[in-house]
């Protein structure tokens, strides 16, 4: 699985942090980010601030390592706090 997701030209993750990951899933995601780092682009969309990510990964150290991998040499785009879908209703 790591090799598969490491080769994708652009990995896009939407609703990142919406579901909590078990330890095995969080470690797998960390390995995928590590393999892609500085090789292939990854886009992450989330409504969760970094301060809440430790709930998603269940481990503060692993969370910090994942955040470090995906923010290294990144472009961070913040679009605001209001939901586009909520405004459309």
N, C-alpha and C. Protein backbone atom coordinates (compact mmCIF):
# COMPACT_ATOMS: atom_id res chain seq x y z
N UNK A 1 0.82 -1.18 0.00
CA UNK A 1 0.00 0.00 0.00
C UNK A 1 0.87 1.26 0.00
N UNK A 2 1.97 1.21 0.74
CA UNK A 2 2.87 2.36 0.79
C UNK A 2 3.43 2.65 -0.60
N UNK A 3 3.87 1.62 -1.30
CA UNK A 3 4.41 1.79 -2.65
C UNK A 3 3.35 2.34 -3.59
N UNK A 4 2.13 1.87 -3.46
CA UNK A 4 1.04 2.31 -4.34
C UNK A 4 0.78 3.80 -4.19
N UNK A 5 0.62 4.27 -2.96
CA UNK A 5 0.32 5.68 -2.73
C UNK A 5 1.54 6.58 -2.86
N UNK A 6 2.71 6.00 -2.83
CA UNK A 6 3.94 6.78 -3.01
C UNK A 6 4.17 7.14 -4.47
N UNK A 7 3.58 6.39 -5.39
CA UNK A 7 3.82 6.60 -6.82
C UNK A 7 2.80 7.52 -7.48
N UNK A 8 1.68 7.78 -6.82
CA UNK A 8 0.64 8.64 -7.39
C UNK A 8 1.21 10.04 -7.61
N UNK A 9 0.95 10.63 -8.79
CA UNK A 9 1.51 11.94 -9.11
C UNK A 9 1.07 13.03 -8.14
N UNK A 10 -0.20 13.06 -7.78
CA UNK A 10 -0.71 14.03 -6.81
C UNK A 10 -1.70 13.31 -5.91
N UNK A 11 -1.35 13.20 -4.64
CA UNK A 11 -2.23 12.56 -3.66
C UNK A 11 -3.07 13.65 -3.01
N UNK A 12 -4.38 13.54 -3.13
CA UNK A 12 -5.32 14.52 -2.56
C UNK A 12 -6.11 13.87 -1.43
N UNK A 13 -6.06 14.47 -0.27
CA UNK A 13 -6.80 13.98 0.89
C UNK A 13 -7.80 15.05 1.30
N UNK A 14 -9.08 14.72 1.21
CA UNK A 14 -10.13 15.65 1.57
C UNK A 14 -10.74 15.24 2.90
N UNK A 15 -11.27 16.20 3.63
CA UNK A 15 -11.87 15.95 4.94
C UNK A 15 -10.87 15.33 5.90
N UNK A 16 -9.61 15.73 5.77
CA UNK A 16 -8.55 15.19 6.61
C UNK A 16 -8.84 15.50 8.07
N UNK A 17 -8.76 14.51 8.91
CA UNK A 17 -9.01 14.69 10.33
C UNK A 17 -10.45 14.47 10.73
N UNK A 18 -11.31 14.20 9.77
CA UNK A 18 -12.73 13.99 10.07
C UNK A 18 -12.94 12.70 10.85
N UNK A 19 -12.23 11.66 10.46
CA UNK A 19 -12.33 10.37 11.14
C UNK A 19 -11.05 10.09 11.92
N UNK A 20 -11.18 9.54 13.09
CA UNK A 20 -10.01 9.17 13.88
C UNK A 20 -9.40 7.89 13.32
N UNK A 21 -8.08 7.82 13.35
CA UNK A 21 -7.36 6.64 12.86
C UNK A 21 -6.87 5.82 14.03
N UNK A 22 -6.85 4.51 13.87
CA UNK A 22 -6.21 3.69 14.89
C UNK A 22 -4.70 3.82 14.72
N UNK A 23 -3.95 3.29 15.67
CA UNK A 23 -2.49 3.45 15.65
C UNK A 23 -1.87 2.90 14.37
N UNK A 24 -2.35 1.76 13.92
CA UNK A 24 -1.81 1.14 12.70
C UNK A 24 -2.06 2.03 11.48
N UNK A 25 -3.28 2.57 11.38
CA UNK A 25 -3.60 3.45 10.26
C UNK A 25 -2.79 4.74 10.29
N UNK A 26 -2.59 5.30 11.48
CA UNK A 26 -1.81 6.53 11.61
C UNK A 26 -0.36 6.30 11.22
N UNK A 27 0.19 5.17 11.63
CA UNK A 27 1.58 4.84 11.26
C UNK A 27 1.71 4.64 9.76
N UNK A 28 0.73 3.99 9.15
CA UNK A 28 0.74 3.78 7.71
C UNK A 28 0.70 5.11 6.97
N UNK A 29 -0.17 6.01 7.41
CA UNK A 29 -0.26 7.32 6.78
C UNK A 29 1.06 8.09 6.94
N UNK A 30 1.68 8.00 8.10
CA UNK A 30 2.98 8.62 8.32
C UNK A 30 4.01 8.08 7.33
N UNK A 31 4.02 6.78 7.12
CA UNK A 31 4.98 6.18 6.19
C UNK A 31 4.72 6.66 4.76
N UNK A 32 3.47 6.80 4.39
CA UNK A 32 3.14 7.29 3.04
C UNK A 32 3.63 8.73 2.88
N UNK A 33 3.36 9.58 3.87
CA UNK A 33 3.85 10.96 3.81
C UNK A 33 5.36 11.01 3.75
N UNK A 34 6.02 10.15 4.51
CA UNK A 34 7.48 10.12 4.52
C UNK A 34 8.03 9.72 3.15
N UNK A 35 7.42 8.72 2.53
CA UNK A 35 7.86 8.28 1.20
C UNK A 35 7.65 9.37 0.14
N UNK A 36 6.59 10.16 0.28
CA UNK A 36 6.25 11.18 -0.71
C UNK A 36 7.04 12.48 -0.50
N UNK A 37 7.54 12.69 0.70
CA UNK A 37 8.20 13.94 1.07
C UNK A 37 9.29 14.34 0.07
N UNK A 38 9.15 15.53 -0.46
CA UNK A 38 10.09 16.12 -1.43
C UNK A 38 10.18 15.35 -2.74
N UNK A 39 9.27 14.41 -2.98
CA UNK A 39 9.27 13.65 -4.23
C UNK A 39 8.01 13.90 -5.05
N UNK A 40 6.88 13.84 -4.38
CA UNK A 40 5.59 13.98 -5.05
C UNK A 40 4.70 14.91 -4.23
N UNK A 41 3.87 15.71 -4.90
CA UNK A 41 3.00 16.64 -4.16
C UNK A 41 1.82 15.93 -3.49
N UNK A 42 1.42 16.48 -2.36
CA UNK A 42 0.27 16.00 -1.61
C UNK A 42 -0.59 17.19 -1.24
N UNK A 43 -1.88 17.11 -1.49
CA UNK A 43 -2.81 18.18 -1.13
C UNK A 43 -3.71 17.65 -0.01
N UNK A 44 -3.85 18.45 1.03
CA UNK A 44 -4.66 18.05 2.18
C UNK A 44 -5.69 19.14 2.43
N UNK A 45 -6.96 18.77 2.49
CA UNK A 45 -8.03 19.71 2.82
C UNK A 45 -8.64 19.28 4.15
N UNK A 46 -8.79 20.24 5.05
CA UNK A 46 -9.32 19.93 6.37
C UNK A 46 -10.03 21.14 6.96
N UNK A 47 -10.99 20.87 7.80
CA UNK A 47 -11.63 21.93 8.58
C UNK A 47 -11.08 21.94 10.00
N UNK A 48 -10.20 21.01 10.31
CA UNK A 48 -9.64 20.88 11.66
C UNK A 48 -8.33 21.64 11.77
N UNK A 49 -8.19 22.46 12.79
CA UNK A 49 -6.90 23.13 13.02
C UNK A 49 -5.86 22.12 13.48
N UNK A 50 -4.59 22.45 13.30
CA UNK A 50 -3.52 21.55 13.71
C UNK A 50 -3.65 21.15 15.19
N UNK A 51 -4.16 22.03 16.02
CA UNK A 51 -4.28 21.76 17.45
C UNK A 51 -5.24 20.61 17.75
N UNK A 52 -6.09 20.24 16.80
CA UNK A 52 -7.03 19.14 17.01
C UNK A 52 -6.58 17.83 16.36
N UNK A 53 -5.49 17.86 15.63
CA UNK A 53 -5.05 16.67 14.91
C UNK A 53 -4.63 15.54 15.83
N UNK A 54 -4.20 15.84 17.04
CA UNK A 54 -3.78 14.76 17.93
C UNK A 54 -4.94 13.82 18.24
N UNK A 55 -6.18 14.31 18.15
CA UNK A 55 -7.35 13.45 18.34
C UNK A 55 -7.49 12.47 17.17
N UNK A 56 -7.17 12.94 15.99
CA UNK A 56 -7.26 12.10 14.79
C UNK A 56 -6.26 10.96 14.85
N UNK A 57 -5.04 11.26 15.31
CA UNK A 57 -3.97 10.27 15.28
C UNK A 57 -3.79 9.54 16.61
N UNK A 58 -4.36 10.07 17.68
CA UNK A 58 -4.30 9.39 18.97
C UNK A 58 -2.95 9.37 19.64
N UNK A 59 -1.97 10.04 19.08
CA UNK A 59 -0.61 10.05 19.63
C UNK A 59 0.01 11.40 19.29
N UNK A 60 0.35 12.18 20.30
CA UNK A 60 0.86 13.53 20.07
C UNK A 60 2.17 13.54 19.29
N UNK A 61 3.06 12.60 19.57
CA UNK A 61 4.36 12.55 18.85
C UNK A 61 4.16 12.20 17.38
N UNK A 62 3.30 11.21 17.13
CA UNK A 62 3.03 10.82 15.75
C UNK A 62 2.33 11.95 15.01
N UNK A 63 1.43 12.63 15.68
CA UNK A 63 0.73 13.77 15.09
C UNK A 63 1.72 14.86 14.70
N UNK A 64 2.65 15.17 15.59
CA UNK A 64 3.67 16.19 15.31
C UNK A 64 4.54 15.78 14.13
N UNK A 65 4.88 14.51 14.05
CA UNK A 65 5.70 14.01 12.94
C UNK A 65 4.95 14.10 11.62
N UNK A 66 3.67 13.77 11.62
CA UNK A 66 2.86 13.86 10.40
C UNK A 66 2.72 15.32 9.97
N UNK A 67 2.40 16.20 10.92
CA UNK A 67 2.28 17.62 10.60
C UNK A 67 3.59 18.17 10.06
N UNK A 68 4.71 17.72 10.62
CA UNK A 68 6.02 18.14 10.15
C UNK A 68 6.26 17.70 8.71
N UNK A 69 5.88 16.48 8.38
CA UNK A 69 6.08 15.96 7.02
C UNK A 69 5.25 16.72 5.99
N UNK A 70 4.00 17.00 6.31
CA UNK A 70 3.15 17.62 5.28
C UNK A 70 3.26 19.14 5.23
N UNK A 71 3.91 19.74 6.22
CA UNK A 71 4.06 21.20 6.17
C UNK A 71 5.46 21.64 5.75
N UNK A 72 6.39 20.70 5.64
CA UNK A 72 7.74 21.04 5.21
C UNK A 72 7.72 21.50 3.75
N UNK A 73 8.18 22.71 3.51
CA UNK A 73 8.19 23.32 2.17
C UNK A 73 6.81 23.30 1.52
N UNK A 74 5.80 23.59 2.30
CA UNK A 74 4.44 23.56 1.77
C UNK A 74 3.92 24.97 1.52
N UNK A 75 2.82 25.04 0.84
CA UNK A 75 2.04 26.26 0.73
C UNK A 75 0.77 26.02 1.50
N UNK A 76 0.59 26.80 2.55
CA UNK A 76 -0.59 26.66 3.41
C UNK A 76 -1.61 27.70 2.99
N UNK A 77 -2.79 27.25 2.62
CA UNK A 77 -3.85 28.15 2.18
C UNK A 77 -5.01 28.04 3.17
N UNK A 78 -5.29 29.13 3.85
CA UNK A 78 -6.40 29.15 4.78
C UNK A 78 -7.54 29.92 4.13
N UNK A 79 -8.69 29.28 4.07
CA UNK A 79 -9.83 29.88 3.37
C UNK A 79 -10.86 30.45 4.32
N UNK A 80 -10.66 30.31 5.61
CA UNK A 80 -11.63 30.81 6.57
C UNK A 80 -12.20 29.70 7.41
N UNK A 81 -13.12 30.05 8.28
CA UNK A 81 -13.66 29.07 9.20
C UNK A 81 -15.09 28.67 8.88
N UNK A 82 -15.75 29.39 8.00
CA UNK A 82 -17.14 29.08 7.69
C UNK A 82 -17.23 28.06 6.56
N UNK A 83 -18.14 27.13 6.71
CA UNK A 83 -18.32 26.07 5.73
C UNK A 83 -19.02 26.61 4.48
N UNK A 84 -18.46 26.28 3.34
CA UNK A 84 -19.08 26.64 2.06
C UNK A 84 -20.44 25.97 1.92
N UNK A 85 -20.53 24.70 2.29
CA UNK A 85 -21.78 23.97 2.19
C UNK A 85 -22.86 24.54 3.11
N UNK A 86 -22.44 24.95 4.30
CA UNK A 86 -23.39 25.52 5.24
C UNK A 86 -23.95 26.85 4.71
N UNK A 87 -23.12 27.65 4.08
CA UNK A 87 -23.56 28.93 3.52
C UNK A 87 -24.52 28.74 2.36
N UNK A 88 -24.39 27.63 1.64
CA UNK A 88 -25.21 27.38 0.45
C UNK A 88 -26.63 26.97 0.79
N UNK A 89 -26.91 26.64 2.04
CA UNK A 89 -28.26 26.17 2.40
C UNK A 89 -29.17 27.32 2.77
